[in-house]
C-alpha atoms as a PDB file:
ATOM      1  CA  UNK A   1       0.000   0.000   0.000  1.00  0.00           C
ATOM      2  CA  UNK A   2       1.369   3.437  -0.915  1.00  0.00           C
ATOM      3  CA  UNK A   3       1.439   6.467   1.317  1.00  0.00           C
ATOM      4  CA  UNK A   4      -0.850   8.489  -0.932  1.00  0.00           C
ATOM      5  CA  UNK A   5      -3.508   5.796  -0.822  1.00  0.00           C
ATOM      6  CA  UNK A   6      -3.427   5.109   2.865  1.00  0.00           C
ATOM      7  CA  UNK A   7      -2.798   8.372   4.696  1.00  0.00           C
ATOM      8  CA  UNK A   8      -6.374   8.269   5.973  1.00  0.00           C
ATOM      9  CA  UNK A   9      -5.585   4.948   7.650  1.00  0.00           C
ATOM     10  CA  UNK A  10      -2.685   6.269   9.671  1.00  0.00           C
ATOM     11  CA  UNK A  11      -2.678   6.963  13.384  1.00  0.00           C
ATOM     12  CA  UNK A  12      -0.368   9.213  15.342  1.00  0.00           C
ATOM     13  CA  UNK A  13       2.869   7.290  14.938  1.00  0.00           C
ATOM     14  CA  UNK A  14       2.330   6.666  11.242  1.00  0.00           C
ATOM     15  CA  UNK A  15       1.562   2.946  11.301  1.00  0.00           C
ATOM     16  CA  UNK A  16      -1.021   1.528   8.939  1.00  0.00           C
ATOM     17  CA  UNK A  17      -4.070   0.104  10.647  1.00  0.00           C
ATOM     18  CA  UNK A  18      -3.913  -3.136   8.689  1.00  0.00           C
ATOM     19  CA  UNK A  19      -1.996  -5.317  11.100  1.00  0.00           C
ATOM     20  CA  UNK A  20      -0.259  -2.289  12.596  1.00  0.00           C
ATOM     21  CA  UNK A  21       3.200  -3.470  11.526  1.00  0.00           C
ATOM     22  CA  UNK A  22       3.612  -1.761   8.162  1.00  0.00           C
ATOM     23  CA  UNK A  23       5.474   1.425   8.983  1.00  0.00           C
ATOM     24  CA  UNK A  24       4.558   4.647   7.234  1.00  0.00           C
ATOM     25  CA  UNK A  25       5.643   8.199   7.868  1.00  0.00           C
ATOM     26  CA  UNK A  26       3.351  10.991   8.924  1.00  0.00           C
ATOM     27  CA  UNK A  27       3.724  14.457   7.459  1.00  0.00           C
ATOM     28  CA  UNK A  28       3.301  18.119   8.226  1.00  0.00           C
ATOM     29  CA  UNK A  29      -0.273  17.407   9.329  1.00  0.00           C
ATOM     30  CA  UNK A  30       1.124  15.287  12.150  1.00  0.00           C
ATOM     31  CA  UNK A  31       3.122  18.176  13.524  1.00  0.00           C
ATOM     32  CA  UNK A  32       0.201  20.606  13.217  1.00  0.00           C
ATOM     33  CA  UNK A  33      -2.255  18.437  15.140  1.00  0.00           C
ATOM     34  CA  UNK A  34       0.281  17.737  17.905  1.00  0.00           C
ATOM     35  CA  UNK A  35       1.216  21.397  18.279  1.00  0.00           C
ATOM     36  CA  UNK A  36      -2.467  22.309  18.574  1.00  0.00           C
ATOM     37  CA  UNK A  37      -2.994  19.676  21.238  1.00  0.00           C
ATOM     38  CA  UNK A  38       0.135  20.623  23.172  1.00  0.00           C
ATOM     39  CA  UNK A  39      -0.775  24.303  23.302  1.00  0.00           C
ATOM     40  CA  UNK A  40      -4.306  23.533  24.415  1.00  0.00           C
ATOM     41  CA  UNK A  41      -3.197  21.206  27.213  1.00  0.00           C
ATOM     42  CA  UNK A  42      -1.084  23.954  28.741  1.00  0.00           C
ATOM     43  CA  UNK A  43      -3.876  26.503  28.469  1.00  0.00           C
ATOM     44  CA  UNK A  44      -6.480  24.056  29.826  1.00  0.00           C
ATOM     45  CA  UNK A  45      -4.467  23.181  32.927  1.00  0.00           C
ATOM     46  CA  UNK A  46      -3.557  26.811  33.565  1.00  0.00           C
ATOM     47  CA  UNK A  47      -7.205  27.888  33.330  1.00  0.00           C
ATOM     48  CA  UNK A  48      -8.310  25.204  35.793  1.00  0.00           C
ATOM     49  CA  UNK A  49      -5.263  25.242  38.077  1.00  0.00           C
ATOM     50  CA  UNK A  50      -6.981  27.389  40.720  1.00  0.00           C
ATOM     51  CA  UNK A  51     -10.168  25.333  40.689  1.00  0.00           C
ATOM     52  CA  UNK A  52     -10.786  22.088  42.510  1.00  0.00           C
ATOM     53  CA  UNK A  53     -11.408  19.860  39.499  1.00  0.00           C
ATOM     54  CA  UNK A  54      -9.529  16.632  38.952  1.00  0.00           C
ATOM     55  CA  UNK A  55      -7.893  17.164  35.570  1.00  0.00           C
ATOM     56  CA  UNK A  56      -7.752  14.101  33.312  1.00  0.00           C
ATOM     57  CA  UNK A  57      -6.041  13.500  29.985  1.00  0.00           C
ATOM     58  CA  UNK A  58      -7.320  10.735  27.701  1.00  0.00           C
ATOM     59  CA  UNK A  59      -5.491   9.495  24.618  1.00  0.00           C
ATOM     60  CA  UNK A  60      -7.735   7.101  22.711  1.00  0.00           C
ATOM     61  CA  UNK A  61      -5.136   5.964  20.149  1.00  0.00           C
ATOM     62  CA  UNK A  62      -2.032   6.554  22.204  1.00  0.00           C
ATOM     63  CA  UNK A  63       0.535   4.882  19.935  1.00  0.00           C
ATOM     64  CA  UNK A  64       4.077   4.702  21.278  1.00  0.00           C
ATOM     65  CA  UNK A  65       4.655   8.260  22.406  1.00  0.00           C
ATOM     66  CA  UNK A  66       6.891   8.986  19.413  1.00  0.00           C
ATOM     67  CA  UNK A  67       6.071   9.910  15.809  1.00  0.00           C
ATOM     68  CA  UNK A  68       8.076   9.500  12.630  1.00  0.00           C
ATOM     69  CA  UNK A  69       7.311  12.180  10.082  1.00  0.00           C
ATOM     70  CA  UNK A  70       8.640  13.137   6.672  1.00  0.00           C
ATOM     71  CA  UNK A  71       8.563  16.817   5.700  1.00  0.00           C
ATOM     72  CA  UNK A  72      10.099  17.980   2.408  1.00  0.00           C
ATOM     73  CA  UNK A  73      11.768  14.601   2.101  1.00  0.00           C
ATOM     74  CA  UNK A  74      13.424  14.908   5.501  1.00  0.00           C
ATOM     75  CA  UNK A  75      12.691  12.223   8.077  1.00  0.00           C
ATOM     76  CA  UNK A  76      12.212  13.313  11.674  1.00  0.00           C
ATOM     77  CA  UNK A  77      11.227  11.711  14.965  1.00  0.00           C
ATOM     78  CA  UNK A  78       9.131  13.922  17.228  1.00  0.00           C
ATOM     79  CA  UNK A  79       7.270  13.581  20.503  1.00  0.00           C
ATOM     80  CA  UNK A  80       3.787  12.140  20.172  1.00  0.00           C
ATOM     81  CA  UNK A  81       0.665  13.091  22.082  1.00  0.00           C
ATOM     82  CA  UNK A  82       1.361  10.927  25.145  1.00  0.00           C
ATOM     83  CA  UNK A  83       4.782  12.482  25.753  1.00  0.00           C
ATOM     84  CA  UNK A  84       3.448  15.980  25.164  1.00  0.00           C
ATOM     85  CA  UNK A  85       0.630  15.405  27.640  1.00  0.00           C
ATOM     86  CA  UNK A  86       3.061  14.163  30.281  1.00  0.00           C
ATOM     87  CA  UNK A  87       5.210  17.249  29.724  1.00  0.00           C
ATOM     88  CA  UNK A  88       2.298  19.680  30.137  1.00  0.00           C
ATOM     89  CA  UNK A  89       2.874  22.269  32.843  1.00  0.00           C
ATOM     90  CA  UNK A  90       0.792  22.470  34.960  1.00  0.00           C
ATOM     91  CA  UNK A  91       0.215  18.748  34.642  1.00  0.00           C
ATOM     92  CA  UNK A  92      -2.848  16.532  34.794  1.00  0.00           C
ATOM     93  CA  UNK A  93      -3.879  14.577  37.854  1.00  0.00           C
ATOM     94  CA  UNK A  94      -4.507  11.418  35.833  1.00  0.00           C
ATOM     95  CA  UNK A  95      -3.680  10.038  32.396  1.00  0.00           C
ATOM     96  CA  UNK A  96      -5.546   7.332  30.463  1.00  0.00           C
ATOM     97  CA  UNK A  97      -3.601   5.901  27.525  1.00  0.00           C
ATOM     98  CA  UNK A  98      -5.693   3.578  25.341  1.00  0.00           C
ATOM     99  CA  UNK A  99      -3.941   1.325  22.848  1.00  0.00           C
ATOM    100  CA  UNK A 100      -4.772  -2.014  21.248  1.00  0.00           C
ATOM    101  CA  UNK A 101      -1.496  -3.221  19.715  1.00  0.00           C
ATOM    102  CA  UNK A 102       0.858  -5.094  22.088  1.00  0.00           C
ATOM    103  CA  UNK A 103       4.114  -3.670  20.717  1.00  0.00           C
ATOM    104  CA  UNK A 104       2.828  -0.129  21.216  1.00  0.00           C
ATOM    105  CA  UNK A 105       1.666  -1.012  24.706  1.00  0.00           C
ATOM    106  CA  UNK A 106       5.214  -2.034  25.575  1.00  0.00           C
ATOM    107  CA  UNK A 107       6.457   1.402  24.549  1.00  0.00           C
ATOM    108  CA  UNK A 108       3.750   3.092  26.618  1.00  0.00           C
ATOM    109  CA  UNK A 109       4.637   0.988  29.650  1.00  0.00           C
ATOM    110  CA  UNK A 110       8.262   2.044  29.323  1.00  0.00           C
ATOM    111  CA  UNK A 111       7.127   5.653  29.053  1.00  0.00           C
ATOM    112  CA  UNK A 112       5.054   5.283  32.218  1.00  0.00           C
ATOM    113  CA  UNK A 113       8.059   3.830  34.038  1.00  0.00           C
ATOM    114  CA  UNK A 114       9.989   6.963  33.107  1.00  0.00           C
ATOM    115  CA  UNK A 115       7.336   9.036  34.916  1.00  0.00           C
ATOM    116  CA  UNK A 116       6.809   7.325  38.292  1.00  0.00           C
ATOM    117  CA  UNK A 117       5.385  10.555  39.705  1.00  0.00           C
ATOM    118  CA  UNK A 118       2.458  10.501  37.244  1.00  0.00           C
ATOM    119  CA  UNK A 119      -0.844   8.672  37.738  1.00  0.00           C
ATOM    120  CA  UNK A 120      -0.958   6.780  34.445  1.00  0.00           C
ATOM    121  CA  UNK A 121      -3.422   4.074  33.464  1.00  0.00           C
ATOM    122  CA  UNK A 122      -2.655   2.109  30.299  1.00  0.00           C
ATOM    123  CA  UNK A 123      -5.621   0.285  28.797  1.00  0.00           C
ATOM    124  CA  UNK A 124      -5.337  -2.380  26.119  1.00  0.00           C
ATOM    125  CA  UNK A 125      -8.636  -2.174  24.293  1.00  0.00           C
ATOM    126  CA  UNK A 126     -10.525  -1.063  21.249  1.00  0.00           C
ATOM    127  CA  UNK A 127     -10.869   2.699  21.645  1.00  0.00           C
ATOM    128  CA  UNK A 128     -14.651   2.780  21.262  1.00  0.00           C
ATOM    129  CA  UNK A 129     -15.140   0.162  23.963  1.00  0.00           C
ATOM    130  CA  UNK A 130     -12.662   1.790  26.327  1.00  0.00           C
ATOM    131  CA  UNK A 131     -14.048   5.302  25.899  1.00  0.00           C
ATOM    132  CA  UNK A 132     -17.642   4.275  26.497  1.00  0.00           C
ATOM    133  CA  UNK A 133     -16.556   2.516  29.678  1.00  0.00           C
ATOM    134  CA  UNK A 134     -14.442   5.470  30.784  1.00  0.00           C
ATOM    135  CA  UNK A 135     -17.380   7.819  30.401  1.00  0.00           C
ATOM    136  CA  UNK A 136     -19.276   5.761  32.989  1.00  0.00           C
ATOM    137  CA  UNK A 137     -16.374   5.516  35.463  1.00  0.00           C
ATOM    138  CA  UNK A 138     -16.621   9.131  36.610  1.00  0.00           C
ATOM    139  CA  UNK A 139     -19.586  11.179  37.786  1.00  0.00           C
ATOM    140  CA  UNK A 140     -18.127  14.195  35.976  1.00  0.00           C
ATOM    141  CA  UNK A 141     -19.064  16.606  38.728  1.00  0.00           C
ATOM    142  CA  UNK A 142     -15.570  17.195  40.074  1.00  0.00           C
ATOM    143  CA  UNK A 143     -13.639  16.058  36.993  1.00  0.00           C
ATOM    144  CA  UNK A 144     -12.724  17.769  33.747  1.00  0.00           C
ATOM    145  CA  UNK A 145     -10.905  16.099  30.868  1.00  0.00           C
ATOM    146  CA  UNK A 146      -9.231  16.617  27.517  1.00  0.00           C
ATOM    147  CA  UNK A 147      -9.564  13.796  24.999  1.00  0.00           C
ATOM    148  CA  UNK A 148      -7.394  13.350  21.929  1.00  0.00           C
ATOM    149  CA  UNK A 149      -9.088  11.359  19.163  1.00  0.00           C
ATOM    150  CA  UNK A 150      -6.610  10.467  16.425  1.00  0.00           C
ATOM    151  CA  UNK A 151      -8.200   7.356  14.927  1.00  0.00           C
ATOM    152  CA  UNK A 152      -7.174   4.786  12.374  1.00  0.00           C
ATOM    153  CA  UNK A 153      -9.394   5.796   9.473  1.00  0.00           C
ATOM    154  CA  UNK A 154     -13.154   5.560   9.989  1.00  0.00           C
ATOM    155  CA  UNK A 155     -12.854   4.019  13.429  1.00  0.00           C
ATOM    156  CA  UNK A 156     -14.610   6.352  15.876  1.00  0.00           C
ATOM    157  CA  UNK A 157     -18.265   5.393  16.220  1.00  0.00           C
ATOM    158  CA  UNK A 158     -20.926   8.075  16.569  1.00  0.00           C
ATOM    159  CA  UNK A 159     -22.228   6.290  19.665  1.00  0.00           C
ATOM    160  CA  UNK A 160     -18.817   6.889  21.241  1.00  0.00           C
ATOM    161  CA  UNK A 161     -19.092  10.612  20.529  1.00  0.00           C
ATOM    162  CA  UNK A 162     -22.568  10.569  22.080  1.00  0.00           C
ATOM    163  CA  UNK A 163     -21.175   9.053  25.275  1.00  0.00           C
ATOM    164  CA  UNK A 164     -18.439  11.690  25.382  1.00  0.00           C
ATOM    165  CA  UNK A 165     -20.817  14.598  24.819  1.00  0.00           C
ATOM    166  CA  UNK A 166     -23.169  13.266  27.494  1.00  0.00           C
ATOM    167  CA  UNK A 167     -20.511  13.711  30.204  1.00  0.00           C
ATOM    168  CA  UNK A 168     -20.671  17.487  29.856  1.00  0.00           C
ATOM    169  CA  UNK A 169     -17.079  17.591  31.079  1.00  0.00           C
ATOM    170  CA  UNK A 170     -14.765  16.519  28.254  1.00  0.00           C
ATOM    171  CA  UNK A 171     -13.060  18.758  25.699  1.00  0.00           C
ATOM    172  CA  UNK A 172     -12.251  16.872  22.494  1.00  0.00           C
ATOM    173  CA  UNK A 173      -9.629  17.300  19.808  1.00  0.00           C
ATOM    174  CA  UNK A 174     -10.852  15.097  16.962  1.00  0.00           C
ATOM    175  CA  UNK A 175      -8.762  14.456  13.870  1.00  0.00           C
ATOM    176  CA  UNK A 176     -11.596  13.526  11.549  1.00  0.00           C
ATOM    177  CA  UNK A 177     -10.613  11.259   8.598  1.00  0.00           C
ATOM    178  CA  UNK A 178     -11.612  13.652   5.824  1.00  0.00           C
ATOM    179  CA  UNK A 179     -10.008  11.578   3.068  1.00  0.00           C
ATOM    180  CA  UNK A 180     -11.627   8.448   4.457  1.00  0.00           C
ATOM    181  CA  UNK A 181     -15.021  10.141   4.164  1.00  0.00           C
ATOM    182  CA  UNK A 182     -14.802  11.080   0.504  1.00  0.00           C
ATOM    183  CA  UNK A 183     -13.093   7.835  -0.464  1.00  0.00           C
ATOM    184  CA  UNK A 184     -15.766   5.716   1.187  1.00  0.00           C
ATOM    185  CA  UNK A 185     -18.542   7.834  -0.360  1.00  0.00           C
ATOM    186  CA  UNK A 186     -17.703   6.908  -3.951  1.00  0.00           C
ATOM    187  CA  UNK A 187     -18.659   9.228  -6.798  1.00  0.00           C
ATOM    188  CA  UNK A 188     -21.043   6.632  -8.189  1.00  0.00           C
ATOM    189  CA  UNK A 189     -23.299   4.945  -5.653  1.00  0.00           C
ATOM    190  CA  UNK A 190     -22.923   1.653  -7.510  1.00  0.00           C
ATOM    191  CA  UNK A 191     -19.468   1.458  -5.923  1.00  0.00           C
ATOM    192  CA  UNK A 192     -20.980   1.696  -2.439  1.00  0.00           C
ATOM    193  CA  UNK A 193     -21.069  -1.771  -0.951  1.00  0.00           C
ATOM    194  CA  UNK A 194     -22.625  -2.755   2.371  1.00  0.00           C
ATOM    195  CA  UNK A 195     -19.321  -2.388   4.216  1.00  0.00           C
ATOM    196  CA  UNK A 196     -18.769   1.195   3.041  1.00  0.00           C
ATOM    197  CA  UNK A 197     -22.365   2.187   3.744  1.00  0.00           C
ATOM    198  CA  UNK A 198     -22.173   0.717   7.236  1.00  0.00           C
ATOM    199  CA  UNK A 199     -18.883   2.497   7.896  1.00  0.00           C
ATOM    200  CA  UNK A 200     -20.270   5.875   6.861  1.00  0.00           C
ATOM    201  CA  UNK A 201     -23.426   5.456   8.939  1.00  0.00           C
ATOM    202  CA  UNK A 202     -21.445   4.258  11.959  1.00  0.00           C
ATOM    203  CA  UNK A 203     -19.089   7.248  11.879  1.00  0.00           C
ATOM    204  CA  UNK A 204     -21.749   9.857  11.060  1.00  0.00           C
ATOM    205  CA  UNK A 205     -24.474   8.402  13.272  1.00  0.00           C
ATOM    206  CA  UNK A 206     -27.115   8.491  10.556  1.00  0.00           C
ATOM    207  CA  UNK A 207     -27.876   7.245   7.065  1.00  0.00           C
ATOM    208  CA  UNK A 208     -29.041  10.729   6.055  1.00  0.00           C
ATOM    209  CA  UNK A 209     -25.675  11.177   4.341  1.00  0.00           C
ATOM    210  CA  UNK A 210     -27.132   9.225   1.436  1.00  0.00           C
ATOM    211  CA  UNK A 211     -29.728  11.899   0.721  1.00  0.00           C
ATOM    212  CA  UNK A 212     -27.264  14.700   1.502  1.00  0.00           C
ATOM    213  CA  UNK A 213     -24.464  13.445  -0.743  1.00  0.00           C
ATOM    214  CA  UNK A 214     -26.273  11.753  -3.656  1.00  0.00           C
ATOM    215  CA  UNK A 215     -28.892  12.485  -6.295  1.00  0.00           C
ATOM    216  CA  UNK A 216     -30.583  10.068  -8.647  1.00  0.00           C
ATOM    217  CA  UNK A 217     -29.076  10.106 -12.108  1.00  0.00           C
ATOM    218  CA  UNK A 218     -31.291  10.664 -15.081  1.00  0.00           C
ATOM    219  CA  UNK A 219     -32.120   7.656 -17.204  1.00  0.00           C
ATOM    220  CA  UNK A 220     -29.283   7.190 -19.623  1.00  0.00           C
ATOM    221  CA  UNK A 221     -29.796   4.054 -21.669  1.00  0.00           C
ATOM    222  CA  UNK A 222     -32.256   3.084 -24.388  1.00  0.00           C
ATOM    223  CA  UNK A 223     -34.102   0.724 -22.062  1.00  0.00           C
ATOM    224  CA  UNK A 224     -34.906   3.453 -19.550  1.00  0.00           C
ATOM    225  CA  UNK A 225     -32.407   2.244 -16.988  1.00  0.00           C
ATOM    226  CA  UNK A 226     -29.861   4.290 -15.100  1.00  0.00           C
ATOM    227  CA  UNK A 227     -26.414   3.907 -13.636  1.00  0.00           C
ATOM    228  CA  UNK A 228     -27.445   4.430 -10.019  1.00  0.00           C
ATOM    229  CA  UNK A 229     -27.235   7.504  -7.819  1.00  0.00           C
ATOM    230  CA  UNK A 230     -24.376   9.927  -8.282  1.00  0.00           C
ATOM    231  CA  UNK A 231     -22.633  11.970  -5.602  1.00  0.00           C
ATOM    232  CA  UNK A 232     -23.322  15.645  -6.239  1.00  0.00           C
ATOM    233  CA  UNK A 233     -21.835  16.930  -2.967  1.00  0.00           C
ATOM    234  CA  UNK A 234     -18.246  18.082  -3.265  1.00  0.00           C
ATOM    235  CA  UNK A 235     -15.658  17.460  -0.580  1.00  0.00           C
ATOM    236  CA  UNK A 236     -16.316  20.730   1.267  1.00  0.00           C
ATOM    237  CA  UNK A 237     -20.079  20.136   1.309  1.00  0.00           C
ATOM    238  CA  UNK A 238     -19.478  16.679   2.733  1.00  0.00           C
ATOM    239  CA  UNK A 239     -17.336  18.175   5.481  1.00  0.00           C
ATOM    240  CA  UNK A 240     -20.053  20.755   6.177  1.00  0.00           C
ATOM    241  CA  UNK A 241     -22.391  17.820   6.801  1.00  0.00           C
ATOM    242  CA  UNK A 242     -19.936  16.447   9.362  1.00  0.00           C
ATOM    243  CA  UNK A 243     -19.661  19.846  11.037  1.00  0.00           C
ATOM    244  CA  UNK A 244     -23.410  20.184  11.369  1.00  0.00           C
ATOM    245  CA  UNK A 245     -23.661  16.710  12.854  1.00  0.00           C
ATOM    246  CA  UNK A 246     -21.026  17.535  15.473  1.00  0.00           C
ATOM    247  CA  UNK A 247     -22.643  20.891  16.278  1.00  0.00           C
ATOM    248  CA  UNK A 248     -25.897  19.087  16.962  1.00  0.00           C
ATOM    249  CA  UNK A 249     -24.156  16.869  19.499  1.00  0.00           C
ATOM    250  CA  UNK A 250     -21.653  19.037  21.376  1.00  0.00           C
ATOM    251  CA  UNK A 251     -22.167  22.334  23.177  1.00  0.00           C
ATOM    252  CA  UNK A 252     -19.692  24.087  20.892  1.00  0.00           C
ATOM    253  CA  UNK A 253     -17.566  23.072  17.899  1.00  0.00           C
ATOM    254  CA  UNK A 254     -14.885  25.069  16.100  1.00  0.00           C
ATOM    255  CA  UNK A 255     -14.700  25.291  12.337  1.00  0.00           C
ATOM    256  CA  UNK A 256     -12.446  22.445  11.185  1.00  0.00           C
ATOM    257  CA  UNK A 257      -8.847  23.099  10.222  1.00  0.00           C
ATOM    258  CA  UNK A 258      -8.272  21.095   7.065  1.00  0.00           C
ATOM    259  CA  UNK A 259      -4.875  19.416   6.926  1.00  0.00           C
ATOM    260  CA  UNK A 260      -3.354  18.590   3.561  1.00  0.00           C
ATOM    261  CA  UNK A 261      -0.905  16.055   2.243  1.00  0.00           C
ATOM    262  CA  UNK A 262       1.901  18.514   1.629  1.00  0.00           C
ATOM    263  CA  UNK A 263       3.122  22.048   2.064  1.00  0.00           C
ATOM    264  CA  UNK A 264       2.415  23.757   5.371  1.00  0.00           C
ATOM    265  CA  UNK A 265      -0.671  25.157   7.059  1.00  0.00           C
ATOM    266  CA  UNK A 266      -0.254  28.529   5.328  1.00  0.00           C
ATOM    267  CA  UNK A 267       0.600  27.107   1.888  1.00  0.00           C
ATOM    268  CA  UNK A 268      -0.906  23.623   1.706  1.00  0.00           C
ATOM    269  CA  UNK A 269      -0.559  21.316  -1.265  1.00  0.00           C
ATOM    270  CA  UNK A 270      -1.897  17.952  -2.331  1.00  0.00           C
ATOM    271  CA  UNK A 271      -5.122  16.310  -1.250  1.00  0.00           C
ATOM    272  CA  UNK A 272      -7.013  17.208   1.926  1.00  0.00           C
ATOM    273  CA  UNK A 273      -6.432  14.370   4.369  1.00  0.00           C
ATOM    274  CA  UNK A 274      -7.878  15.337   7.753  1.00  0.00           C
ATOM    275  CA  UNK A 275     -10.121  17.886   9.439  1.00  0.00           C
ATOM    276  CA  UNK A 276      -9.037  18.890  12.937  1.00  0.00           C
ATOM    277  CA  UNK A 277     -12.019  19.737  15.143  1.00  0.00           C
ATOM    278  CA  UNK A 278     -12.253  21.015  18.690  1.00  0.00           C
ATOM    279  CA  UNK A 279     -15.502  20.230  20.492  1.00  0.00           C
ATOM    280  CA  UNK A 280     -16.583  21.149  24.023  1.00  0.00           C
ATOM    281  CA  UNK A 281     -19.156  19.064  25.856  1.00  0.00           C
ATOM    282  CA  UNK A 282     -19.617  21.384  28.859  1.00  0.00           C
ATOM    283  CA  UNK A 283     -22.881  23.266  28.253  1.00  0.00           C
ATOM    284  CA  UNK A 284     -22.052  26.119  30.598  1.00  0.00           C
ATOM    285  CA  UNK A 285     -21.704  29.116  28.220  1.00  0.00           C
ATOM    286  CA  UNK A 286     -18.783  30.534  30.198  1.00  0.00           C
ATOM    287  CA  UNK A 287     -16.960  27.200  30.083  1.00  0.00           C
ATOM    288  CA  UNK A 288     -17.433  26.390  26.404  1.00  0.00           C
ATOM    289  CA  UNK A 289     -16.950  30.028  25.450  1.00  0.00           C
ATOM    290  CA  UNK A 290     -13.494  30.122  27.022  1.00  0.00           C
ATOM    291  CA  UNK A 291     -12.560  26.685  25.693  1.00  0.00           C
ATOM    292  CA  UNK A 292     -13.484  27.457  22.101  1.00  0.00           C
ATOM    293  CA  UNK A 293     -11.796  30.876  22.246  1.00  0.00           C
ATOM    294  CA  UNK A 294      -8.554  29.219  23.313  1.00  0.00           C
ATOM    295  CA  UNK A 295      -8.903  26.524  20.644  1.00  0.00           C
ATOM    296  CA  UNK A 296      -9.681  29.032  17.884  1.00  0.00           C
ATOM    297  CA  UNK A 297      -6.719  31.196  18.852  1.00  0.00           C
ATOM    298  CA  UNK A 298      -4.450  28.156  18.708  1.00  0.00           C
ATOM    299  CA  UNK A 299      -5.770  26.996  15.337  1.00  0.00           C
ATOM    300  CA  UNK A 300      -5.391  30.499  13.901  1.00  0.00           C
ATOM    301  CA  UNK A 301      -1.699  30.534  14.758  1.00  0.00           C
ATOM    302  CA  UNK A 302      -0.895  27.169  13.149  1.00  0.00           C
END
């Protein structure tokens, strides 16, 4: 599998989801998402440092704590989200690192051993299962959390997002698989098989995408038949659909920052790969107002 084909299948440390052992490099988008997260973690902890909340960091696809990226042909190794969270100052009171692959778990365990002063819980599990369980483990009265969602392709279920939003206490950075969306939603609906349709509905939480993305083609052959529905929504309109879905679920959602295959955030090039969202679940206007202001300011500087 080539990098151009499978960028939407890559998690934080650049490993393909198929088997998890085929190494790929991330790109400039990797650095952008991690810088956004890192800046927000510092601001979040500073804002809450004088309050009596237990501050929690959750990494749903924690990886190894390191990322290999390739920018302008140059290979680099940079700190991943887990290391950046542990380095946040002020720090969190508790860290939940969720990872499924054993070899990545070993790296996380070594990372935890390097930070004996931190309260770190490492969970080997599917992220959807672990997150739904985590949302029930706290009452969310005296706790506040930041969650980093950097999935392998179309992996985050809408029901998981519902559980997160229901807590009213979790701020979410969600790297939505933009390329995965428009690749699954083929231009001609005849190419949509049951697996792709199920994936789209699972991630978007509805089958209304079918009506939003497709129109029935006019009859084109001499027998009065047609070639099936055709997608008339362009990529941006499809992303607008995602944004509206998220806004209907969370208290506040920033406009997505689209991350591209090449270039930098100011001069992007290549195909759009991801859409970085910030979503606040706390429905207190003062709380989500401050959170989204911080997130917007961060995204504007990247």
